[in-house]
Protein backbone atom coordinates (compact mmCIF):
# COMPACT_ATOMS: atom_id res chain seq x y z
CA MET A 1 -17.20 3.21 9.99
CA CYS A 2 -15.99 2.77 13.66
CA ILE A 3 -13.74 5.14 15.36
CA LYS A 4 -12.15 5.33 18.67
CA ASP A 5 -9.46 7.41 20.35
CA VAL A 6 -6.91 5.87 22.73
CA MET A 7 -4.06 6.82 24.70
CA VAL A 8 -0.77 4.64 24.16
CA GLN A 9 -0.06 3.15 27.61
CA ASN A 10 3.37 1.71 27.26
CA GLN A 11 6.50 3.79 27.72
CA VAL A 12 8.21 3.13 24.58
CA GLY A 13 5.13 3.61 22.39
CA LEU A 14 4.60 1.81 19.10
CA HIS A 15 8.16 0.87 18.11
CA ALA A 16 9.00 -2.26 16.13
CA ARG A 17 7.92 -4.81 18.57
CA PRO A 18 4.57 -3.52 19.66
CA ALA A 19 3.84 -2.25 16.16
CA THR A 20 4.33 -5.78 15.02
CA PHE A 21 1.90 -7.08 17.64
CA PHE A 22 -0.61 -4.32 16.47
CA ILE A 23 -0.27 -5.44 12.92
CA GLN A 24 -0.70 -9.11 13.56
CA LYS A 25 -3.94 -8.19 15.61
CA ALA A 26 -5.20 -5.84 12.78
CA ASN A 27 -4.71 -8.63 10.18
CA GLU A 28 -7.03 -10.82 12.00
CA PHE A 29 -9.85 -8.63 10.59
CA ARG A 30 -11.24 -8.11 7.14
CA SER A 31 -11.97 -4.51 7.60
CA ALA A 32 -9.72 -1.58 6.37
CA ILE A 33 -7.96 -0.32 9.49
CA TRP A 34 -5.95 3.10 9.90
CA ILE A 35 -4.21 4.83 12.70
CA GLU A 36 -4.47 8.51 12.99
CA LYS A 37 -1.86 10.68 14.98
CA GLU A 38 -2.65 14.30 14.81
CA GLU A 39 -3.30 15.03 10.96
CA ARG A 40 -1.47 11.96 9.59
CA ARG A 41 -3.29 8.70 8.74
CA VAL A 42 -1.56 5.49 7.97
CA ASN A 43 -2.67 1.85 7.09
CA ALA A 44 -2.78 -0.03 10.52
CA LYS A 45 -1.55 -3.16 8.70
CA SER A 46 1.77 -1.44 7.57
CA LEU A 47 4.75 -1.55 9.61
CA LEU A 48 6.47 1.20 7.90
CA GLY A 49 3.36 3.44 8.00
CA ILE A 50 2.90 2.82 11.85
CA LEU A 51 6.63 3.53 12.52
CA SER A 52 6.52 6.61 10.32
CA LEU A 53 4.12 8.17 12.97
CA GLY A 54 6.68 8.13 15.63
CA ILE A 55 4.15 7.21 18.35
CA VAL A 56 5.64 7.36 21.78
CA GLY A 57 4.08 6.54 25.26
CA GLY A 58 1.42 8.98 26.29
CA THR A 59 0.42 9.90 22.74
CA ALA A 60 -3.39 9.82 21.92
CA ILE A 61 -4.03 8.06 18.65
CA ARG A 62 -7.17 7.39 16.83
CA ILE A 63 -8.11 3.99 15.50
CA ILE A 64 -10.49 3.71 12.56
CA ALA A 65 -12.05 0.59 10.77
CA ASP A 66 -14.44 0.27 7.90
CA GLY A 67 -15.84 -3.16 6.87
CA THR A 68 -17.76 -6.01 8.07
CA ASP A 69 -16.10 -6.51 11.29
CA GLU A 70 -15.04 -2.89 12.06
CA GLU A 71 -16.61 -2.81 15.71
CA GLN A 72 -14.65 -5.86 16.69
CA ALA A 73 -11.53 -4.74 15.06
CA VAL A 74 -11.47 -1.44 16.86
CA ALA A 75 -12.45 -2.82 20.24
CA SER A 76 -9.83 -5.48 19.91
CA LEU A 77 -7.11 -2.91 18.85
CA VAL A 78 -8.01 -0.50 21.56
CA ASP A 79 -7.92 -3.31 24.11
CA LEU A 80 -4.44 -4.13 22.97
CA VAL A 81 -3.11 -0.63 23.19
CA GLU A 82 -4.74 -0.06 26.51
CA SER A 83 -3.05 -3.30 27.97
CA GLY A 84 0.52 -1.86 27.09
CA PHE A 85 0.74 -4.85 24.64
CA SER A 86 0.62 -7.40 27.44
CA ASP A 87 0.81 -11.05 26.36
CA GLU A 88 -2.65 -12.07 27.47
CA ASN A 89 -4.35 -9.47 24.81
CA ARG A 90 -2.36 -10.69 21.79
């Protein structure tokens, strides 16, 4: 299991469009992946799950992956979040 905390950089947070980019990136990996905000954990491959967390800019989240490519998955998703969901990291 690989776990990493990251701060959401973009001002609007993980609303529909950035959440979609996040899910697309998460689906590139075979590992099970979750996002945690405070005490809630949701499947990182679920749009409704991510949107239900209400993640806004400046929010700390935890990305958790468990599987054969867990370290690559977490590193890639952390890079995406830290970039503010810019085009070159999608």
